[in-house]
Amino acid sequence: MEKLALEGARLLFSHDGAGWIVAVLMGLACLQLHRETMRTQDARLGDTGATATALERASQTNVAVAAALESRTRVLEDLSRLVSEMARSIEHGDERSRDKLDAILRRLGEGRPFSAP
């Protein structure tokens, strides 16, 4: 270790102090590299924050879509239950149920939103 230190000191003082100029230039280069590295890291942190925000918004959207799908599934289950009850009533000869089922089937065929008569 001492040999390395002595050799480094000898090189700094050799050639009329040219080693000091090289050492100062190397120090300035290291300082510049450090500054650029810090800027790059700050930019990456900013990008990471933006990505995290986008992922959070996407997650919230996915939750909303899942809730909407669940709600529609419940509605479809209720409609299926209602139609099966009406079909049983029709099998027993209830004319009013037959008319309601025909109206529902017509509206479903039209593709417009359903509203109760």
C-alpha atoms as a PDB file:
ATOM      1  CA  MET A   1       0.000   0.000   0.000  1.00  0.00           C
ATOM      2  CA  GLU A   2       2.836   2.356   0.842  1.00  0.00           C
ATOM      3  CA  LYS A   3       4.492   1.541  -2.459  1.00  0.00           C
ATOM      4  CA  LEU A   4       1.362   2.541  -4.334  1.00  0.00           C
ATOM      5  CA  ALA A   5       1.092   5.809  -2.424  1.00  0.00           C
ATOM      6  CA  LEU A   6       4.744   6.648  -3.067  1.00  0.00           C
ATOM      7  CA  GLU A   7       4.436   5.774  -6.748  1.00  0.00           C
ATOM      8  CA  GLY A   8       1.315   7.951  -7.044  1.00  0.00           C
ATOM      9  CA  ALA A   9       3.107  10.877  -5.353  1.00  0.00           C
ATOM     10  CA  ARG A  10       6.119  10.421  -7.595  1.00  0.00           C
ATOM     11  CA  LEU A  11       3.920  10.494 -10.714  1.00  0.00           C
ATOM     12  CA  LEU A  12       2.159  13.646  -9.527  1.00  0.00           C
ATOM     13  CA  PHE A  13       5.433  15.517  -9.138  1.00  0.00           C
ATOM     14  CA  SER A  14       7.127  14.145 -12.248  1.00  0.00           C
ATOM     15  CA  HIS A  15       7.273  16.014 -15.552  1.00  0.00           C
ATOM     16  CA  ASP A  16       7.100  19.466 -14.021  1.00  0.00           C
ATOM     17  CA  GLY A  17       3.786  18.963 -12.235  1.00  0.00           C
ATOM     18  CA  ALA A  18       1.863  17.575 -15.206  1.00  0.00           C
ATOM     19  CA  GLY A  19       0.491  14.902 -12.888  1.00  0.00           C
ATOM     20  CA  TRP A  20      -1.403  17.544 -10.883  1.00  0.00           C
ATOM     21  CA  ILE A  21      -3.108  18.768 -14.018  1.00  0.00           C
ATOM     22  CA  VAL A  22      -4.148  15.222 -14.886  1.00  0.00           C
ATOM     23  CA  ALA A  23      -5.403  14.659 -11.309  1.00  0.00           C
ATOM     24  CA  VAL A  24      -7.461  17.872 -11.379  1.00  0.00           C
ATOM     25  CA  LEU A  25      -8.915  17.008 -14.789  1.00  0.00           C
ATOM     26  CA  MET A  26      -9.768  13.493 -13.576  1.00  0.00           C
ATOM     27  CA  GLY A  27     -11.449  14.969 -10.495  1.00  0.00           C
ATOM     28  CA  LEU A  28     -13.509  17.338 -12.653  1.00  0.00           C
ATOM     29  CA  ALA A  29     -14.468  14.455 -14.943  1.00  0.00           C
ATOM     30  CA  CYS A  30     -15.556  12.391 -11.926  1.00  0.00           C
ATOM     31  CA  LEU A  31     -17.583  15.322 -10.595  1.00  0.00           C
ATOM     32  CA  GLN A  32     -19.306  15.750 -13.974  1.00  0.00           C
ATOM     33  CA  LEU A  33     -20.069  12.016 -14.179  1.00  0.00           C
ATOM     34  CA  HIS A  34     -21.510  12.121 -10.675  1.00  0.00           C
ATOM     35  CA  ARG A  35     -23.807  15.030 -11.602  1.00  0.00           C
ATOM     36  CA  GLU A  36     -25.008  13.280 -14.749  1.00  0.00           C
ATOM     37  CA  THR A  37     -25.635  10.084 -12.799  1.00  0.00           C
ATOM     38  CA  MET A  38     -27.732  11.999 -10.266  1.00  0.00           C
ATOM     39  CA  ARG A  39     -29.779  13.620 -13.059  1.00  0.00           C
ATOM     40  CA  THR A  40     -30.359  10.243 -14.652  1.00  0.00           C
ATOM     41  CA  GLN A  41     -31.485   8.742 -11.356  1.00  0.00           C
ATOM     42  CA  ASP A  42     -33.882  11.646 -10.768  1.00  0.00           C
ATOM     43  CA  ALA A  43     -35.349  11.141 -14.244  1.00  0.00           C
ATOM     44  CA  ARG A  44     -35.786   7.422 -13.587  1.00  0.00           C
ATOM     45  CA  LEU A  45     -37.528   8.161 -10.286  1.00  0.00           C
ATOM     46  CA  GLY A  46     -39.879  10.524 -12.104  1.00  0.00           C
ATOM     47  CA  ASP A  47     -40.655   7.875 -14.711  1.00  0.00           C
ATOM     48  CA  THR A  48     -41.249   5.312 -11.970  1.00  0.00           C
ATOM     49  CA  GLY A  49     -43.672   7.681 -10.239  1.00  0.00           C
ATOM     50  CA  ALA A  50     -45.581   8.264 -13.466  1.00  0.00           C
ATOM     51  CA  THR A  51     -45.754   4.522 -14.096  1.00  0.00           C
ATOM     52  CA  ALA A  52     -47.015   3.885 -10.564  1.00  0.00           C
ATOM     53  CA  THR A  53     -49.729   6.525 -11.024  1.00  0.00           C
ATOM     54  CA  ALA A  54     -50.803   4.980 -14.324  1.00  0.00           C
ATOM     55  CA  LEU A  55     -50.932   1.512 -12.771  1.00  0.00           C
ATOM     56  CA  GLU A  56     -53.007   2.811  -9.867  1.00  0.00           C
ATOM     57  CA  ARG A  57     -55.498   4.431 -12.251  1.00  0.00           C
ATOM     58  CA  ALA A  58     -55.681   1.250 -14.319  1.00  0.00           C
ATOM     59  CA  SER A  59     -56.300  -0.751 -11.161  1.00  0.00           C
ATOM     60  CA  GLN A  60     -59.148   1.563 -10.158  1.00  0.00           C
ATOM     61  CA  THR A  61     -60.635   1.223 -13.631  1.00  0.00           C
ATOM     62  CA  ASN A  62     -60.394  -2.569 -13.420  1.00  0.00           C
ATOM     63  CA  VAL A  63     -62.199  -2.515 -10.066  1.00  0.00           C
ATOM     64  CA  ALA A  64     -64.982  -0.384 -11.552  1.00  0.00           C
ATOM     65  CA  VAL A  65     -65.317  -2.695 -14.561  1.00  0.00           C
ATOM     66  CA  ALA A  66     -65.437  -5.750 -12.293  1.00  0.00           C
ATOM     67  CA  ALA A  67     -68.180  -4.148 -10.181  1.00  0.00           C
ATOM     68  CA  ALA A  68     -70.180  -3.296 -13.309  1.00  0.00           C
ATOM     69  CA  LEU A  69     -69.814  -6.844 -14.626  1.00  0.00           C
ATOM     70  CA  GLU A  70     -70.906  -8.266 -11.286  1.00  0.00           C
ATOM     71  CA  SER A  71     -73.953  -5.988 -11.269  1.00  0.00           C
ATOM     72  CA  ARG A  72     -74.899  -7.043 -14.789  1.00  0.00           C
ATOM     73  CA  THR A  73     -74.419 -10.672 -13.874  1.00  0.00           C
ATOM     74  CA  ARG A  74     -76.857 -10.242 -10.976  1.00  0.00           C
ATOM     75  CA  VAL A  75     -79.354  -8.559 -13.300  1.00  0.00           C
ATOM     76  CA  LEU A  76     -79.042 -11.394 -15.808  1.00  0.00           C
ATOM     77  CA  GLU A  77     -79.562 -13.937 -13.028  1.00  0.00           C
ATOM     78  CA  ASP A  78     -82.700 -12.087 -11.917  1.00  0.00           C
ATOM     79  CA  LEU A  79     -83.989 -11.935 -15.478  1.00  0.00           C
ATOM     80  CA  SER A  80     -83.289 -15.622 -15.947  1.00  0.00           C
ATOM     81  CA  ARG A  81     -85.164 -16.422 -12.742  1.00  0.00           C
ATOM     82  CA  LEU A  82     -88.113 -14.233 -13.820  1.00  0.00           C
ATOM     83  CA  VAL A  83     -88.274 -15.816 -17.268  1.00  0.00           C
ATOM     84  CA  SER A  84     -88.182 -19.323 -15.821  1.00  0.00           C
ATOM     85  CA  GLU A  85     -91.017 -18.446 -13.405  1.00  0.00           C
ATOM     86  CA  MET A  86     -93.004 -17.013 -16.285  1.00  0.00           C
ATOM     87  CA  ALA A  87     -92.317 -20.083 -18.397  1.00  0.00           C
ATOM     88  CA  ARG A  88     -93.669 -22.285 -15.586  1.00  0.00           C
ATOM     89  CA  SER A  89     -96.764 -20.080 -15.379  1.00  0.00           C
ATOM     90  CA  ILE A  90     -97.260 -20.384 -19.128  1.00  0.00           C
ATOM     91  CA  GLU A  91     -97.022 -24.147 -18.879  1.00  0.00           C
ATOM     92  CA  HIS A  92     -99.938 -23.942 -16.458  1.00  0.00           C
ATOM     93  CA  GLY A  93    -101.954 -21.892 -18.961  1.00  0.00           C
ATOM     94  CA  ASP A  94    -101.684 -18.343 -17.569  1.00  0.00           C
ATOM     95  CA  GLU A  95    -102.473 -16.089 -20.547  1.00  0.00           C
ATOM     96  CA  ARG A  96    -101.237 -12.880 -18.873  1.00  0.00           C
ATOM     97  CA  SER A  97     -97.788 -14.428 -18.244  1.00  0.00           C
ATOM     98  CA  ARG A  98     -97.662 -15.499 -21.890  1.00  0.00           C
ATOM     99  CA  ASP A  99     -98.251 -11.883 -22.968  1.00  0.00           C
ATOM    100  CA  LYS A 100     -95.535 -10.583 -20.609  1.00  0.00           C
ATOM    101  CA  LEU A 101     -93.033 -13.146 -21.888  1.00  0.00           C
ATOM    102  CA  ASP A 102     -93.815 -12.265 -25.496  1.00  0.00           C
ATOM    103  CA  ALA A 103     -93.306  -8.564 -24.694  1.00  0.00           C
ATOM    104  CA  ILE A 104     -89.964  -9.284 -23.023  1.00  0.00           C
ATOM    105  CA  LEU A 105     -88.802 -11.440 -25.924  1.00  0.00           C
ATOM    106  CA  ARG A 106     -89.838  -8.741 -28.432  1.00  0.00           C
ATOM    107  CA  ARG A 107     -87.916  -6.054 -26.539  1.00  0.00           C
ATOM    108  CA  LEU A 108     -84.861  -8.258 -26.188  1.00  0.00           C
ATOM    109  CA  GLY A 109     -85.010  -8.863 -29.926  1.00  0.00           C
ATOM    110  CA  GLU A 110     -85.170  -5.127 -30.608  1.00  0.00           C
ATOM    111  CA  GLY A 111     -81.953  -4.549 -28.670  1.00  0.00           C
ATOM    112  CA  ARG A 112     -83.269  -1.482 -26.840  1.00  0.00           C
ATOM    113  CA  PRO A 113     -83.203  -0.932 -23.090  1.00  0.00           C
ATOM    114  CA  PHE A 114     -86.019  -2.667 -21.232  1.00  0.00           C
ATOM    115  CA  SER A 115     -88.547  -0.685 -19.194  1.00  0.00           C
ATOM    116  CA  ALA A 116     -91.427  -2.262 -17.309  1.00  0.00           C
ATOM    117  CA  PRO A 117     -94.935  -1.616 -18.824  1.00  0.00           C
END
